[in-house]
Amino acid sequence: INLYMYLYFVIFIIFGAFFTLNLFIGVIIDNFNQQKKKI
């Protein structure tokens, strides 16, 4: 396996996980804010 391919793959996974986590946290915070407005 080419080292650069492996490095690119690892970086891609890290960025993908970070993006997914941010998206998930954003949805949770948005729902939390919506719940606060109702009360």
PDB file of N, CA and C in Angstrom:
ATOM      1  N   ILE A   1       0.857  -1.198   0.000  1.00  0.00           N
ATOM      2  CA  ILE A   1       0.000   0.000   0.000  1.00  0.00           C
ATOM      3  C   ILE A   1       0.888   1.242   0.000  1.00  0.00           C
ATOM      4  N   ASN A   2       0.506   2.208  -0.821  1.00  0.00           N
ATOM      5  CA  ASN A   2       1.270   3.456  -0.891  1.00  0.00           C
ATOM      6  C   ASN A   2       1.054   4.258   0.394  1.00  0.00           C
ATOM      7  N   LEU A   3       2.140   4.809   0.930  1.00  0.00           N
ATOM      8  CA  LEU A   3       2.070   5.557   2.189  1.00  0.00           C
ATOM      9  C   LEU A   3       1.168   6.782   2.059  1.00  0.00           C
ATOM     10  N   TYR A   4       1.276   7.483   0.930  1.00  0.00           N
ATOM     11  CA  TYR A   4       0.467   8.692   0.731  1.00  0.00           C
ATOM     12  C   TYR A   4      -1.020   8.364   0.631  1.00  0.00           C
ATOM     13  N   MET A   5      -1.333   7.228   0.020  1.00  0.00           N
ATOM     14  CA  MET A   5      -2.732   6.804  -0.076  1.00  0.00           C
ATOM     15  C   MET A   5      -3.283   6.531   1.322  1.00  0.00           C
ATOM     16  N   TYR A   6      -2.469   5.867   2.146  1.00  0.00           N
ATOM     17  CA  TYR A   6      -2.873   5.547   3.511  1.00  0.00           C
ATOM     18  C   TYR A   6      -3.067   6.823   4.329  1.00  0.00           C
ATOM     19  N   LEU A   7      -2.135   7.757   4.194  1.00  0.00           N
ATOM     20  CA  LEU A   7      -2.199   9.028   4.919  1.00  0.00           C
ATOM     21  C   LEU A   7      -3.445   9.812   4.505  1.00  0.00           C
ATOM     22  N   TYR A   8      -3.717   9.862   3.200  1.00  0.00           N
ATOM     23  CA  TYR A   8      -4.888  10.562   2.676  1.00  0.00           C
ATOM     24  C   TYR A   8      -6.174   9.933   3.221  1.00  0.00           C
ATOM     25  N   PHE A   9      -6.185   8.590   3.271  1.00  0.00           N
ATOM     26  CA  PHE A   9      -7.352   7.859   3.754  1.00  0.00           C
ATOM     27  C   PHE A   9      -7.615   8.164   5.227  1.00  0.00           C
ATOM     28  N   VAL A  10      -6.549   8.178   6.040  1.00  0.00           N
ATOM     29  CA  VAL A  10      -6.676   8.464   7.472  1.00  0.00           C
ATOM     30  C   VAL A  10      -7.180   9.889   7.691  1.00  0.00           C
ATOM     31  N   ILE A  11      -6.611  10.852   6.956  1.00  0.00           N
ATOM     32  CA  ILE A  11      -7.031  12.254   7.076  1.00  0.00           C
ATOM     33  C   ILE A  11      -8.498  12.407   6.663  1.00  0.00           C
ATOM     34  N   PHE A  12      -8.883  11.701   5.582  1.00  0.00           N
ATOM     35  CA  PHE A  12     -10.259  11.751   5.097  1.00  0.00           C
ATOM     36  C   PHE A  12     -11.231  11.231   6.164  1.00  0.00           C
ATOM     37  N   ILE A  13     -10.866  10.128   6.826  1.00  0.00           N
ATOM     38  CA  ILE A  13     -11.713   9.543   7.869  1.00  0.00           C
ATOM     39  C   ILE A  13     -11.833  10.494   9.060  1.00  0.00           C
ATOM     40  N   ILE A  14     -10.702  11.107   9.452  1.00  0.00           N
ATOM     41  CA  ILE A  14     -10.715  12.041  10.582  1.00  0.00           C
ATOM     42  C   ILE A  14     -11.617  13.239  10.278  1.00  0.00           C
ATOM     43  N   PHE A  15     -11.472  13.800   9.075  1.00  0.00           N
ATOM     44  CA  PHE A  15     -12.315  14.939   8.687  1.00  0.00           C
ATOM     45  C   PHE A  15     -13.780  14.532   8.596  1.00  0.00           C
ATOM     46  N   GLY A  16     -14.036  13.351   8.062  1.00  0.00           N
ATOM     47  CA  GLY A  16     -15.402  12.848   7.948  1.00  0.00           C
ATOM     48  C   GLY A  16     -16.050  12.677   9.312  1.00  0.00           C
ATOM     49  N   ALA A  17     -15.288  12.115  10.262  1.00  0.00           N
ATOM     50  CA  ALA A  17     -15.798  11.908  11.615  1.00  0.00           C
ATOM     51  C   ALA A  17     -16.059  13.253  12.291  1.00  0.00           C
ATOM     52  N   PHE A  18     -15.133  14.209  12.095  1.00  0.00           N
ATOM     53  CA  PHE A  18     -15.272  15.541  12.682  1.00  0.00           C
ATOM     54  C   PHE A  18     -16.510  16.242  12.130  1.00  0.00           C
ATOM     55  N   PHE A  19     -16.709  16.148  10.803  1.00  0.00           N
ATOM     56  CA  PHE A  19     -17.859  16.776  10.158  1.00  0.00           C
ATOM     57  C   PHE A  19     -19.168  16.157  10.653  1.00  0.00           C
ATOM     58  N   THR A  20     -19.186  14.821  10.745  1.00  0.00           N
ATOM     59  CA  THR A  20     -20.384  14.124  11.217  1.00  0.00           C
ATOM     60  C   THR A  20     -20.701  14.505  12.659  1.00  0.00           C
ATOM     61  N   LEU A  21     -19.652  14.590  13.494  1.00  0.00           N
ATOM     62  CA  LEU A  21     -19.835  14.957  14.898  1.00  0.00           C
ATOM     63  C   LEU A  21     -20.392  16.372  15.011  1.00  0.00           C
ATOM     64  N   ASN A  22     -19.845  17.293  14.211  1.00  0.00           N
ATOM     65  CA  ASN A  22     -20.320  18.682  14.217  1.00  0.00           C
ATOM     66  C   ASN A  22     -21.783  18.752  13.796  1.00  0.00           C
ATOM     67  N   LEU A  23     -22.142  17.984  12.762  1.00  0.00           N
ATOM     68  CA  LEU A  23     -23.512  17.968  12.261  1.00  0.00           C
ATOM     69  C   LEU A  23     -24.457  17.445  13.351  1.00  0.00           C
ATOM     70  N   PHE A  24     -24.041  16.356  14.010  1.00  0.00           N
ATOM     71  CA  PHE A  24     -24.836  15.734  15.067  1.00  0.00           C
ATOM     72  C   PHE A  24     -25.032  16.694  16.240  1.00  0.00           C
ATOM     73  N   ILE A  25     -23.948  17.333  16.678  1.00  0.00           N
ATOM     74  CA  ILE A  25     -24.011  18.288  17.791  1.00  0.00           C
ATOM     75  C   ILE A  25     -24.878  19.487  17.408  1.00  0.00           C
ATOM     76  N   GLY A  26     -24.765  19.941  16.166  1.00  0.00           N
ATOM     77  CA  GLY A  26     -25.564  21.068  15.692  1.00  0.00           C
ATOM     78  C   GLY A  26     -27.051  20.765  15.753  1.00  0.00           C
ATOM     79  N   VAL A  27     -27.430  19.554  15.358  1.00  0.00           N
ATOM     80  CA  VAL A  27     -28.840  19.145  15.397  1.00  0.00           C
ATOM     81  C   VAL A  27     -29.333  19.079  16.841  1.00  0.00           C
ATOM     82  N   ILE A  28     -28.514  18.525  17.723  1.00  0.00           N
ATOM     83  CA  ILE A  28     -28.896  18.420  19.141  1.00  0.00           C
ATOM     84  C   ILE A  28     -29.090  19.804  19.754  1.00  0.00           C
ATOM     85  N   ILE A  29     -28.154  20.714  19.495  1.00  0.00           N
ATOM     86  CA  ILE A  29     -28.245  22.077  20.035  1.00  0.00           C
ATOM     87  C   ILE A  29     -29.471  22.796  19.469  1.00  0.00           C
ATOM     88  N   ASP A  30     -29.728  22.590  18.181  1.00  0.00           N
ATOM     89  CA  ASP A  30     -30.892  23.220  17.546  1.00  0.00           C
ATOM     90  C   ASP A  30     -32.185  22.713  18.190  1.00  0.00           C
ATOM     91  N   ASN A  31     -32.280  21.403  18.408  1.00  0.00           N
ATOM     92  CA  ASN A  31     -33.460  20.829  19.059  1.00  0.00           C
ATOM     93  C   ASN A  31     -33.596  21.338  20.486  1.00  0.00           C
ATOM     94  N   PHE A  32     -32.474  21.448  21.183  1.00  0.00           N
ATOM     95  CA  PHE A  32     -32.479  21.948  22.561  1.00  0.00           C
ATOM     96  C   PHE A  32     -32.994  23.382  22.603  1.00  0.00           C
ATOM     97  N   ASN A  33     -32.541  24.212  21.659  1.00  0.00           N
ATOM     98  CA  ASN A  33     -33.000  25.604  21.600  1.00  0.00           C
ATOM     99  C   ASN A  33     -34.489  25.673  21.267  1.00  0.00           C
ATOM    100  N   GLN A  34     -34.956  24.791  20.392  1.00  0.00           N
ATOM    101  CA  GLN A  34     -36.381  24.761  20.050  1.00  0.00           C
ATOM    102  C   GLN A  34     -37.209  24.394  21.286  1.00  0.00           C
ATOM    103  N   GLN A  35     -36.716  23.450  22.080  1.00  0.00           N
ATOM    104  CA  GLN A  35     -37.427  23.039  23.297  1.00  0.00           C
ATOM    105  C   GLN A  35     -37.478  24.184  24.306  1.00  0.00           C
ATOM    106  N   LYS A  36     -36.385  24.939  24.413  1.00  0.00           N
ATOM    107  CA  LYS A  36     -36.349  26.067  25.353  1.00  0.00           C
ATOM    108  C   LYS A  36     -37.349  27.146  24.958  1.00  0.00           C
ATOM    109  N   LYS A  37     -37.527  27.368  23.660  1.00  0.00           N
ATOM    110  CA  LYS A  37     -38.460  28.399  23.193  1.00  0.00           C
ATOM    111  C   LYS A  37     -39.905  28.023  23.523  1.00  0.00           C
ATOM    112  N   LYS A  38     -40.223  26.727  23.497  1.00  0.00           N
ATOM    113  CA  LYS A  38     -41.589  26.277  23.765  1.00  0.00           C
ATOM    114  C   LYS A  38     -41.972  26.517  25.216  1.00  0.00           C
ATOM    115  N   ILE A  39     -41.025  26.339  26.109  1.00  0.00           N
ATOM    116  CA  ILE A  39     -41.320  26.444  27.546  1.00  0.00           C
ATOM    117  C   ILE A  39     -41.558  27.902  27.942  1.00  0.00           C
TER     118      ILE A  39
END
